[in-house]
């Protein structure tokens, strides 16, 4: 698709739906395919399989024997190794979420200020239009009151009546222009969306390996064959609530959305709204890793089975 072509799905979804469901069921005995995938990604598979063998050996060895005590000690050690790796991945998710939320809060504050300024400007323009309309029409009607002395005021009345109609019309057209809010030069402070679109990053906005691998994988149970990151971008393109993002190949849009390259008049209500929604949805999808981590924890505690076949 070239930069001049418009994607067929742009702003077609007025009521967005969830994507990338994990398939986790707390009542199922076995883990979901996506949980198995995550276990492979973070290097937990061999540890969990070893843990299950140790548990079976400990349960079969009876109690009180030296072999039983050794098996239980090995089981505890294996469970600790599993718990450490799960906790590390859990903290990596939190690390990414902390950065996403910090940026989201800043953009929401700026967006609130831009929206407030826009609303005040629109209210002021409307007030000028209404007041001038009322005042001019009052003068017009006063001049048009019939009487033997002021019939000569018919012409001035008509002259005053013209701006009485024109001024509110101009004010109404001006409010349409003001509705988009102020436009400022966009900043150069790359955000967590930068890496999603292939822009350079820095240590503050870098993703932990497990999170980045998760986003770049095709979900294990997904028939589309698309990476999670691509499905996210597809959703953003289709979302009718984000009119500021309509082309994944538009450098101008991506420069402003990722805050990577300064753009004249690039910081707008539309841009800030797009950033905010994108970050919220990215947060939601990354946080779904915790559902998979819970299943892996349940495996380590013997509440679920781990079966690769």
C-alpha atoms as a PDB file:
ATOM      1  CA  UNK A   1       0.000   0.000   0.000  1.00  0.00           C
ATOM      2  CA  UNK A   2       1.430   3.359  -0.996  1.00  0.00           C
ATOM      3  CA  UNK A   3       1.383   6.452   1.180  1.00  0.00           C
ATOM      4  CA  UNK A   4      -1.276   8.006  -1.066  1.00  0.00           C
ATOM      5  CA  UNK A   5      -3.699   5.096  -0.818  1.00  0.00           C
ATOM      6  CA  UNK A   6      -6.319   5.163   1.892  1.00  0.00           C
ATOM      7  CA  UNK A   7      -6.939   1.999   3.869  1.00  0.00           C
ATOM      8  CA  UNK A   8     -10.419   0.597   3.373  1.00  0.00           C
ATOM      9  CA  UNK A   9     -10.988   0.149   7.114  1.00  0.00           C
ATOM     10  CA  UNK A  10     -10.194   3.740   8.148  1.00  0.00           C
ATOM     11  CA  UNK A  11     -12.570   4.956  10.898  1.00  0.00           C
ATOM     12  CA  UNK A  12     -15.144   2.257  10.095  1.00  0.00           C
ATOM     13  CA  UNK A  13     -15.593   0.946  13.630  1.00  0.00           C
ATOM     14  CA  UNK A  14     -17.758   3.304  15.679  1.00  0.00           C
ATOM     15  CA  UNK A  15     -18.030   0.900  18.627  1.00  0.00           C
ATOM     16  CA  UNK A  16     -14.643  -0.799  19.150  1.00  0.00           C
ATOM     17  CA  UNK A  17     -14.501  -4.382  20.416  1.00  0.00           C
ATOM     18  CA  UNK A  18     -11.890  -6.322  22.323  1.00  0.00           C
ATOM     19  CA  UNK A  19      -9.111  -8.026  20.405  1.00  0.00           C
ATOM     20  CA  UNK A  20      -6.369 -10.478  21.400  1.00  0.00           C
ATOM     21  CA  UNK A  21      -8.396 -12.425  23.930  1.00  0.00           C
ATOM     22  CA  UNK A  22      -6.169 -14.764  25.921  1.00  0.00           C
ATOM     23  CA  UNK A  23      -8.419 -17.816  25.986  1.00  0.00           C
ATOM     24  CA  UNK A  24      -7.708 -18.355  29.693  1.00  0.00           C
ATOM     25  CA  UNK A  25     -10.341 -20.279  31.644  1.00  0.00           C
ATOM     26  CA  UNK A  26      -9.876 -20.542  35.388  1.00  0.00           C
ATOM     27  CA  UNK A  27     -12.117 -23.609  35.531  1.00  0.00           C
ATOM     28  CA  UNK A  28     -10.247 -25.582  32.849  1.00  0.00           C
ATOM     29  CA  UNK A  29      -7.700 -28.106  34.082  1.00  0.00           C
ATOM     30  CA  UNK A  30      -5.203 -27.462  31.287  1.00  0.00           C
ATOM     31  CA  UNK A  31      -3.672 -24.137  30.306  1.00  0.00           C
ATOM     32  CA  UNK A  32      -4.573 -22.108  27.220  1.00  0.00           C
ATOM     33  CA  UNK A  33      -2.485 -22.218  23.992  1.00  0.00           C
ATOM     34  CA  UNK A  34      -1.395 -18.617  24.572  1.00  0.00           C
ATOM     35  CA  UNK A  35      -0.152 -19.519  28.040  1.00  0.00           C
ATOM     36  CA  UNK A  36       1.898 -22.357  26.562  1.00  0.00           C
ATOM     37  CA  UNK A  37       3.283 -19.881  24.040  1.00  0.00           C
ATOM     38  CA  UNK A  38       4.293 -17.444  26.771  1.00  0.00           C
ATOM     39  CA  UNK A  39       5.952 -20.232  28.767  1.00  0.00           C
ATOM     40  CA  UNK A  40       8.096 -21.045  25.737  1.00  0.00           C
ATOM     41  CA  UNK A  41       8.866 -17.359  25.195  1.00  0.00           C
ATOM     42  CA  UNK A  42      10.175 -16.706  28.707  1.00  0.00           C
ATOM     43  CA  UNK A  43      12.008 -20.037  29.002  1.00  0.00           C
ATOM     44  CA  UNK A  44       9.655 -21.534  31.577  1.00  0.00           C
ATOM     45  CA  UNK A  45       8.570 -24.686  29.735  1.00  0.00           C
ATOM     46  CA  UNK A  46      11.416 -26.955  30.808  1.00  0.00           C
ATOM     47  CA  UNK A  47      11.161 -25.760  34.410  1.00  0.00           C
ATOM     48  CA  UNK A  48       7.424 -26.502  34.560  1.00  0.00           C
ATOM     49  CA  UNK A  49       7.819 -29.937  32.997  1.00  0.00           C
ATOM     50  CA  UNK A  50      10.598 -30.703  35.486  1.00  0.00           C
ATOM     51  CA  UNK A  51       8.389 -29.419  38.302  1.00  0.00           C
ATOM     52  CA  UNK A  52       5.533 -31.700  37.280  1.00  0.00           C
ATOM     53  CA  UNK A  53       7.845 -34.741  37.229  1.00  0.00           C
ATOM     54  CA  UNK A  54       9.158 -33.871  40.666  1.00  0.00           C
ATOM     55  CA  UNK A  55       5.630 -33.472  42.009  1.00  0.00           C
ATOM     56  CA  UNK A  56       4.637 -36.887  40.671  1.00  0.00           C
ATOM     57  CA  UNK A  57       7.766 -38.426  42.200  1.00  0.00           C
ATOM     58  CA  UNK A  58       7.161 -36.742  45.550  1.00  0.00           C
ATOM     59  CA  UNK A  59       3.545 -37.911  45.646  1.00  0.00           C
ATOM     60  CA  UNK A  60       4.521 -41.486  44.721  1.00  0.00           C
ATOM     61  CA  UNK A  61       7.360 -41.725  47.241  1.00  0.00           C
ATOM     62  CA  UNK A  62       5.170 -41.806  50.342  1.00  0.00           C
ATOM     63  CA  UNK A  63       6.280 -39.926  53.422  1.00  0.00           C
ATOM     64  CA  UNK A  64       8.990 -40.165  56.025  1.00  0.00           C
ATOM     65  CA  UNK A  65      11.614 -41.767  53.800  1.00  0.00           C
ATOM     66  CA  UNK A  66      14.870 -40.108  52.836  1.00  0.00           C
ATOM     67  CA  UNK A  67      13.920 -40.360  49.162  1.00  0.00           C
ATOM     68  CA  UNK A  68      10.615 -38.652  49.882  1.00  0.00           C
ATOM     69  CA  UNK A  69      12.305 -35.825  51.787  1.00  0.00           C
ATOM     70  CA  UNK A  70      14.828 -35.302  49.001  1.00  0.00           C
ATOM     71  CA  UNK A  71      12.055 -35.266  46.388  1.00  0.00           C
ATOM     72  CA  UNK A  72      10.090 -32.685  48.368  1.00  0.00           C
ATOM     73  CA  UNK A  73      13.179 -30.511  48.771  1.00  0.00           C
ATOM     74  CA  UNK A  74      13.822 -30.669  45.019  1.00  0.00           C
ATOM     75  CA  UNK A  75      10.170 -29.829  44.451  1.00  0.00           C
ATOM     76  CA  UNK A  76      10.423 -26.742  46.658  1.00  0.00           C
ATOM     77  CA  UNK A  77      13.599 -25.623  44.881  1.00  0.00           C
ATOM     78  CA  UNK A  78      11.963 -26.102  41.471  1.00  0.00           C
ATOM     79  CA  UNK A  79       8.860 -24.207  42.549  1.00  0.00           C
ATOM     80  CA  UNK A  80      11.063 -21.337  43.706  1.00  0.00           C
ATOM     81  CA  UNK A  81      12.836 -21.223  40.327  1.00  0.00           C
ATOM     82  CA  UNK A  82       9.475 -21.142  38.554  1.00  0.00           C
ATOM     83  CA  UNK A  83       8.130 -18.460  40.914  1.00  0.00           C
ATOM     84  CA  UNK A  84      11.229 -16.299  40.386  1.00  0.00           C
ATOM     85  CA  UNK A  85      10.891 -16.404  36.598  1.00  0.00           C
ATOM     86  CA  UNK A  86       7.151 -15.679  36.731  1.00  0.00           C
ATOM     87  CA  UNK A  87       7.773 -12.786  39.115  1.00  0.00           C
ATOM     88  CA  UNK A  88      10.490 -11.387  36.852  1.00  0.00           C
ATOM     89  CA  UNK A  89       8.136 -11.473  33.860  1.00  0.00           C
ATOM     90  CA  UNK A  90       5.356  -9.954  35.950  1.00  0.00           C
ATOM     91  CA  UNK A  91       7.635  -7.060  36.894  1.00  0.00           C
ATOM     92  CA  UNK A  92       8.654  -6.634  33.249  1.00  0.00           C
ATOM     93  CA  UNK A  93       4.972  -6.170  32.414  1.00  0.00           C
ATOM     94  CA  UNK A  94       4.687  -3.606  35.214  1.00  0.00           C
ATOM     95  CA  UNK A  95       7.819  -1.858  33.909  1.00  0.00           C
ATOM     96  CA  UNK A  96       6.224  -1.360  30.491  1.00  0.00           C
ATOM     97  CA  UNK A  97       2.859  -0.380  31.951  1.00  0.00           C
ATOM     98  CA  UNK A  98       4.476   2.223  34.232  1.00  0.00           C
ATOM     99  CA  UNK A  99       6.012   3.991  31.233  1.00  0.00           C
ATOM    100  CA  UNK A 100       2.772   3.796  29.229  1.00  0.00           C
ATOM    101  CA  UNK A 101       0.710   5.204  32.097  1.00  0.00           C
ATOM    102  CA  UNK A 102       3.177   8.010  32.826  1.00  0.00           C
ATOM    103  CA  UNK A 103       2.896   9.190  29.217  1.00  0.00           C
ATOM    104  CA  UNK A 104      -0.869   8.743  29.170  1.00  0.00           C
ATOM    105  CA  UNK A 105      -1.279  10.981  32.215  1.00  0.00           C
ATOM    106  CA  UNK A 106       0.793  13.769  30.609  1.00  0.00           C
ATOM    107  CA  UNK A 107      -1.182  13.608  27.354  1.00  0.00           C
ATOM    108  CA  UNK A 108      -4.495  13.604  29.208  1.00  0.00           C
ATOM    109  CA  UNK A 109      -3.458  16.748  31.093  1.00  0.00           C
ATOM    110  CA  UNK A 110      -2.438  18.547  27.891  1.00  0.00           C
ATOM    111  CA  UNK A 111      -5.587  17.330  26.139  1.00  0.00           C
ATOM    112  CA  UNK A 112      -7.743  18.669  28.985  1.00  0.00           C
ATOM    113  CA  UNK A 113      -6.038  22.077  28.694  1.00  0.00           C
ATOM    114  CA  UNK A 114      -6.461  22.168  24.899  1.00  0.00           C
ATOM    115  CA  UNK A 115     -10.110  21.128  25.191  1.00  0.00           C
ATOM    116  CA  UNK A 116     -10.810  23.703  27.902  1.00  0.00           C
ATOM    117  CA  UNK A 117      -9.214  26.487  25.844  1.00  0.00           C
ATOM    118  CA  UNK A 118     -11.217  25.387  22.797  1.00  0.00           C
ATOM    119  CA  UNK A 119     -14.491  25.351  24.725  1.00  0.00           C
ATOM    120  CA  UNK A 120     -13.822  28.816  26.168  1.00  0.00           C
ATOM    121  CA  UNK A 121     -13.013  30.217  22.726  1.00  0.00           C
ATOM    122  CA  UNK A 122     -16.145  28.687  21.195  1.00  0.00           C
ATOM    123  CA  UNK A 123     -18.289  29.971  24.079  1.00  0.00           C
ATOM    124  CA  UNK A 124     -16.833  33.470  23.692  1.00  0.00           C
ATOM    125  CA  UNK A 125     -17.450  33.498  19.925  1.00  0.00           C
ATOM    126  CA  UNK A 126     -21.025  32.251  20.415  1.00  0.00           C
ATOM    127  CA  UNK A 127     -21.630  34.915  23.058  1.00  0.00           C
ATOM    128  CA  UNK A 128     -20.349  37.652  20.721  1.00  0.00           C
ATOM    129  CA  UNK A 129     -22.589  36.337  17.962  1.00  0.00           C
ATOM    130  CA  UNK A 130     -25.705  36.121  20.145  1.00  0.00           C
ATOM    131  CA  UNK A 131     -25.162  39.483  21.856  1.00  0.00           C
ATOM    132  CA  UNK A 132     -24.410  41.353  18.647  1.00  0.00           C
ATOM    133  CA  UNK A 133     -27.352  39.674  16.933  1.00  0.00           C
ATOM    134  CA  UNK A 134     -29.731  40.703  19.704  1.00  0.00           C
ATOM    135  CA  UNK A 135     -28.409  44.257  19.946  1.00  0.00           C
ATOM    136  CA  UNK A 136     -28.445  44.876  16.209  1.00  0.00           C
ATOM    137  CA  UNK A 137     -31.912  43.453  15.758  1.00  0.00           C
ATOM    138  CA  UNK A 138     -33.170  45.566  18.679  1.00  0.00           C
ATOM    139  CA  UNK A 139     -31.857  48.690  16.939  1.00  0.00           C
ATOM    140  CA  UNK A 140     -33.279  47.501  13.629  1.00  0.00           C
ATOM    141  CA  UNK A 141     -36.732  46.908  15.083  1.00  0.00           C
ATOM    142  CA  UNK A 142     -36.639  50.194  16.989  1.00  0.00           C
ATOM    143  CA  UNK A 143     -35.987  52.039  13.754  1.00  0.00           C
ATOM    144  CA  UNK A 144     -38.764  50.127  12.022  1.00  0.00           C
ATOM    145  CA  UNK A 145     -41.514  51.057  14.530  1.00  0.00           C
ATOM    146  CA  UNK A 146     -44.258  52.698  12.431  1.00  0.00           C
ATOM    147  CA  UNK A 147     -45.062  56.335  13.071  1.00  0.00           C
ATOM    148  CA  UNK A 148     -45.664  59.552  11.211  1.00  0.00           C
ATOM    149  CA  UNK A 149     -42.315  60.980  12.284  1.00  0.00           C
ATOM    150  CA  UNK A 150     -39.894  58.013  11.847  1.00  0.00           C
ATOM    151  CA  UNK A 151     -40.933  56.486   8.560  1.00  0.00           C
ATOM    152  CA  UNK A 152     -37.709  57.925   7.204  1.00  0.00           C
ATOM    153  CA  UNK A 153     -35.822  55.370   9.321  1.00  0.00           C
ATOM    154  CA  UNK A 154     -36.821  52.445   7.086  1.00  0.00           C
ATOM    155  CA  UNK A 155     -33.532  52.631   5.177  1.00  0.00           C
ATOM    156  CA  UNK A 156     -31.298  52.785   8.296  1.00  0.00           C
ATOM    157  CA  UNK A 157     -33.354  49.923   9.736  1.00  0.00           C
ATOM    158  CA  UNK A 158     -32.588  47.801   6.708  1.00  0.00           C
ATOM    159  CA  UNK A 159     -28.913  48.751   6.835  1.00  0.00           C
ATOM    160  CA  UNK A 160     -28.671  47.705  10.506  1.00  0.00           C
ATOM    161  CA  UNK A 161     -30.590  44.493   9.736  1.00  0.00           C
ATOM    162  CA  UNK A 162     -27.876  43.344   7.311  1.00  0.00           C
ATOM    163  CA  UNK A 163     -25.067  43.039   9.915  1.00  0.00           C
ATOM    164  CA  UNK A 164     -27.645  41.699  12.365  1.00  0.00           C
ATOM    165  CA  UNK A 165     -27.852  38.641  10.141  1.00  0.00           C
ATOM    166  CA  UNK A 166     -24.276  38.584   8.842  1.00  0.00           C
ATOM    167  CA  UNK A 167     -22.411  38.867  12.161  1.00  0.00           C
ATOM    168  CA  UNK A 168     -23.949  35.710  13.760  1.00  0.00           C
ATOM    169  CA  UNK A 169     -23.340  33.810  10.529  1.00  0.00           C
ATOM    170  CA  UNK A 170     -19.677  34.764  10.545  1.00  0.00           C
ATOM    171  CA  UNK A 171     -19.450  33.865  14.248  1.00  0.00           C
ATOM    172  CA  UNK A 172     -20.976  30.447  13.535  1.00  0.00           C
ATOM    173  CA  UNK A 173     -18.480  29.777  10.749  1.00  0.00           C
ATOM    174  CA  UNK A 174     -15.649  30.855  13.049  1.00  0.00           C
ATOM    175  CA  UNK A 175     -16.746  28.410  15.746  1.00  0.00           C
ATOM    176  CA  UNK A 176     -16.386  25.579  13.211  1.00  0.00           C
ATOM    177  CA  UNK A 177     -12.776  26.625  12.711  1.00  0.00           C
ATOM    178  CA  UNK A 178     -12.225  26.878  16.463  1.00  0.00           C
ATOM    179  CA  UNK A 179     -13.696  23.437  17.117  1.00  0.00           C
ATOM    180  CA  UNK A 180     -10.404  21.735  16.221  1.00  0.00           C
ATOM    181  CA  UNK A 181      -8.697  23.639  19.022  1.00  0.00           C
ATOM    182  CA  UNK A 182      -5.259  25.209  19.085  1.00  0.00           C
ATOM    183  CA  UNK A 183      -2.434  23.816  16.982  1.00  0.00           C
ATOM    184  CA  UNK A 184       1.122  23.913  18.299  1.00  0.00           C
ATOM    185  CA  UNK A 185       4.423  22.521  17.110  1.00  0.00           C
ATOM    186  CA  UNK A 186       4.690  18.942  18.301  1.00  0.00           C
ATOM    187  CA  UNK A 187       7.387  18.087  20.807  1.00  0.00           C
ATOM    188  CA  UNK A 188      10.415  15.808  20.310  1.00  0.00           C
ATOM    189  CA  UNK A 189      10.120  13.359  23.200  1.00  0.00           C
ATOM    190  CA  UNK A 190       9.570   9.833  21.815  1.00  0.00           C
ATOM    191  CA  UNK A 191       6.881   7.815  23.578  1.00  0.00           C
ATOM    192  CA  UNK A 192       6.023   4.120  23.987  1.00  0.00           C
ATOM    193  CA  UNK A 193       4.346   4.138  20.559  1.00  0.00           C
ATOM    194  CA  UNK A 194       7.662   4.917  18.839  1.00  0.00           C
ATOM    195  CA  UNK A 195       8.967   1.344  18.731  1.00  0.00           C
ATOM    196  CA  UNK A 196       5.573   0.069  17.558  1.00  0.00           C
ATOM    197  CA  UNK A 197       6.046   2.074  14.350  1.00  0.00           C
ATOM    198  CA  UNK A 198       9.778   1.471  13.939  1.00  0.00           C
ATOM    199  CA  UNK A 199      11.043   4.772  15.353  1.00  0.00           C
ATOM    200  CA  UNK A 200      14.228   4.998  17.477  1.00  0.00           C
ATOM    201  CA  UNK A 201      13.857   4.524  21.229  1.00  0.00           C
ATOM    202  CA  UNK A 202      15.814   5.345  24.365  1.00  0.00           C
ATOM    203  CA  UNK A 203      16.182   3.468  27.684  1.00  0.00           C
ATOM    204  CA  UNK A 204      13.122   5.209  29.154  1.00  0.00           C
ATOM    205  CA  UNK A 205      10.780   3.865  26.476  1.00  0.00           C
ATOM    206  CA  UNK A 206      12.400   0.507  25.727  1.00  0.00           C
ATOM    207  CA  UNK A 207      10.260  -2.608  26.169  1.00  0.00           C
ATOM    208  CA  UNK A 208      11.452  -5.545  28.276  1.00  0.00           C
ATOM    209  CA  UNK A 209      12.280  -8.575  26.115  1.00  0.00           C
ATOM    210  CA  UNK A 210       9.326 -10.668  27.260  1.00  0.00           C
ATOM    211  CA  UNK A 211       6.805  -7.883  26.555  1.00  0.00           C
ATOM    212  CA  UNK A 212       8.250  -7.045  23.144  1.00  0.00           C
ATOM    213  CA  UNK A 213       8.333 -10.735  22.186  1.00  0.00           C
ATOM    214  CA  UNK A 214       4.695 -11.095  23.279  1.00  0.00           C
ATOM    215  CA  UNK A 215       3.616  -8.160  21.099  1.00  0.00           C
ATOM    216  CA  UNK A 216       5.526  -9.480  18.095  1.00  0.00           C
ATOM    217  CA  UNK A 217       4.092 -13.005  18.227  1.00  0.00           C
ATOM    218  CA  UNK A 218       1.091 -14.323  16.339  1.00  0.00           C
ATOM    219  CA  UNK A 219      -1.401 -15.458  19.030  1.00  0.00           C
ATOM    220  CA  UNK A 220      -1.283 -19.246  19.340  1.00  0.00           C
ATOM    221  CA  UNK A 221      -5.027 -19.658  18.795  1.00  0.00           C
ATOM    222  CA  UNK A 222      -5.508 -16.901  16.204  1.00  0.00           C
ATOM    223  CA  UNK A 223      -6.534 -17.889  12.658  1.00  0.00           C
ATOM    224  CA  UNK A 224      -5.532 -14.532  11.136  1.00  0.00           C
ATOM    225  CA  UNK A 225      -1.814 -15.221  11.230  1.00  0.00           C
ATOM    226  CA  UNK A 226      -1.118 -11.605  12.235  1.00  0.00           C
ATOM    227  CA  UNK A 227       1.194 -10.505  14.997  1.00  0.00           C
ATOM    228  CA  UNK A 228      -0.422  -8.903  18.027  1.00  0.00           C
ATOM    229  CA  UNK A 229       1.290  -5.624  17.177  1.00  0.00           C
ATOM    230  CA  UNK A 230      -0.211  -5.645  13.667  1.00  0.00           C
ATOM    231  CA  UNK A 231      -3.680  -6.413  15.005  1.00  0.00           C
ATOM    232  CA  UNK A 232      -3.336  -3.446  17.358  1.00  0.00           C
ATOM    233  CA  UNK A 233      -2.459  -1.101  14.492  1.00  0.00           C
ATOM    234  CA  UNK A 234      -5.365  -2.502  12.451  1.00  0.00           C
ATOM    235  CA  UNK A 235      -7.683  -1.663  15.318  1.00  0.00           C
ATOM    236  CA  UNK A 236      -6.316   1.865  15.638  1.00  0.00           C
ATOM    237  CA  UNK A 237      -6.813   2.456  11.916  1.00  0.00           C
ATOM    238  CA  UNK A 238     -10.414   1.206  12.072  1.00  0.00           C
ATOM    239  CA  UNK A 239     -11.332   3.103  15.262  1.00  0.00           C
ATOM    240  CA  UNK A 240     -13.708   5.945  14.368  1.00  0.00           C
ATOM    241  CA  UNK A 241     -12.839   7.655  17.664  1.00  0.00           C
ATOM    242  CA  UNK A 242      -9.324   8.421  16.407  1.00  0.00           C
ATOM    243  CA  UNK A 243      -9.658  10.721  13.413  1.00  0.00           C
ATOM    244  CA  UNK A 244      -6.045  11.821  13.921  1.00  0.00           C
ATOM    245  CA  UNK A 245      -4.666   8.434  12.788  1.00  0.00           C
ATOM    246  CA  UNK A 246      -5.781   7.197   9.394  1.00  0.00           C
ATOM    247  CA  UNK A 247      -2.629   5.937   7.659  1.00  0.00           C
ATOM    248  CA  UNK A 248       0.056   3.668   9.122  1.00  0.00           C
ATOM    249  CA  UNK A 249       2.409   4.788   6.331  1.00  0.00           C
ATOM    250  CA  UNK A 250       1.968   8.546   6.850  1.00  0.00           C
ATOM    251  CA  UNK A 251       5.262   9.920   8.168  1.00  0.00           C
ATOM    252  CA  UNK A 252       3.575  13.205   9.075  1.00  0.00           C
ATOM    253  CA  UNK A 253       0.988  11.468  11.278  1.00  0.00           C
ATOM    254  CA  UNK A 254       3.481   9.039  12.837  1.00  0.00           C
ATOM    255  CA  UNK A 255       6.056  11.768  13.555  1.00  0.00           C
ATOM    256  CA  UNK A 256       3.454  13.633  15.630  1.00  0.00           C
ATOM    257  CA  UNK A 257       1.813  10.590  17.249  1.00  0.00           C
ATOM    258  CA  UNK A 258       5.121   9.087  18.382  1.00  0.00           C
ATOM    259  CA  UNK A 259       6.468  12.550  19.342  1.00  0.00           C
ATOM    260  CA  UNK A 260       9.679  11.592  17.524  1.00  0.00           C
ATOM    261  CA  UNK A 261       9.989  14.394  14.965  1.00  0.00           C
ATOM    262  CA  UNK A 262       8.749  17.953  15.472  1.00  0.00           C
ATOM    263  CA  UNK A 263       5.876  18.885  13.170  1.00  0.00           C
ATOM    264  CA  UNK A 264       4.507  22.375  12.625  1.00  0.00           C
ATOM    265  CA  UNK A 265       0.956  22.418  14.033  1.00  0.00           C
ATOM    266  CA  UNK A 266       1.432  18.745  14.886  1.00  0.00           C
ATOM    267  CA  UNK A 267       0.230  18.978  18.486  1.00  0.00           C
ATOM    268  CA  UNK A 268      -3.569  19.148  18.319  1.00  0.00           C
ATOM    269  CA  UNK A 269      -6.620  17.773  20.071  1.00  0.00           C
ATOM    270  CA  UNK A 270      -6.833  15.061  17.407  1.00  0.00           C
ATOM    271  CA  UNK A 271      -3.188  14.060  17.890  1.00  0.00           C
ATOM    272  CA  UNK A 272      -3.464  14.013  21.675  1.00  0.00           C
ATOM    273  CA  UNK A 273      -6.697  12.018  21.522  1.00  0.00           C
ATOM    274  CA  UNK A 274      -5.063   9.454  19.233  1.00  0.00           C
ATOM    275  CA  UNK A 275      -2.011   9.137  21.501  1.00  0.00           C
ATOM    276  CA  UNK A 276      -4.194   8.741  24.574  1.00  0.00           C
ATOM    277  CA  UNK A 277      -6.441   6.051  23.084  1.00  0.00           C
ATOM    278  CA  UNK A 278      -3.497   4.178  21.574  1.00  0.00           C
ATOM    279  CA  UNK A 279      -1.634   4.111  24.883  1.00  0.00           C
ATOM    280  CA  UNK A 280      -4.742   2.959  26.763  1.00  0.00           C
ATOM    281  CA  UNK A 281      -5.291   0.108  24.326  1.00  0.00           C
ATOM    282  CA  UNK A 282      -1.600  -0.825  24.340  1.00  0.00           C
ATOM    283  CA  UNK A 283      -1.772  -0.881  28.141  1.00  0.00           C
ATOM    284  CA  UNK A 284      -4.786  -3.204  28.027  1.00  0.00           C
ATOM    285  CA  UNK A 285      -3.172  -5.653  25.614  1.00  0.00           C
ATOM    286  CA  UNK A 286       0.168  -5.802  27.455  1.00  0.00           C
ATOM    287  CA  UNK A 287      -1.624  -6.259  30.776  1.00  0.00           C
ATOM    288  CA  UNK A 288      -3.304  -9.387  29.406  1.00  0.00           C
ATOM    289  CA  UNK A 289       0.040 -11.093  29.916  1.00  0.00           C
ATOM    290  CA  UNK A 290      -0.883 -11.189  33.605  1.00  0.00           C
ATOM    291  CA  UNK A 291      -3.792 -13.544  32.839  1.00  0.00           C
ATOM    292  CA  UNK A 292      -1.310 -15.936  31.253  1.00  0.00           C
ATOM    293  CA  UNK A 293       1.103 -15.550  34.164  1.00  0.00           C
ATOM    294  CA  UNK A 294      -1.691 -16.472  36.584  1.00  0.00           C
ATOM    295  CA  UNK A 295      -2.218 -19.729  34.705  1.00  0.00           C
ATOM    296  CA  UNK A 296       1.487 -20.487  34.892  1.00  0.00           C
ATOM    297  CA  UNK A 297       1.404 -19.805  38.634  1.00  0.00           C
ATOM    298  CA  UNK A 298      -1.523 -22.207  38.970  1.00  0.00           C
ATOM    299  CA  UNK A 299       0.550 -24.861  37.182  1.00  0.00           C
ATOM    300  CA  UNK A 300       3.386 -24.351  39.648  1.00  0.00           C
ATOM    301  CA  UNK A 301       0.945 -24.865  42.526  1.00  0.00           C
ATOM    302  CA  UNK A 302      -0.512 -28.026  41.015  1.00  0.00           C
ATOM    303  CA  UNK A 303      -3.913 -26.461  40.274  1.00  0.00           C
ATOM    304  CA  UNK A 304      -3.499 -26.867  36.500  1.00  0.00           C
ATOM    305  CA  UNK A 305      -1.623 -29.244  34.241  1.00  0.00           C
ATOM    306  CA  UNK A 306       1.013 -28.232  31.755  1.00  0.00           C
ATOM    307  CA  UNK A 307       0.822 -30.272  28.561  1.00  0.00           C
ATOM    308  CA  UNK A 308       2.710 -29.325  25.415  1.00  0.00           C
ATOM    309  CA  UNK A 309       0.922 -31.868  23.187  1.00  0.00           C
END
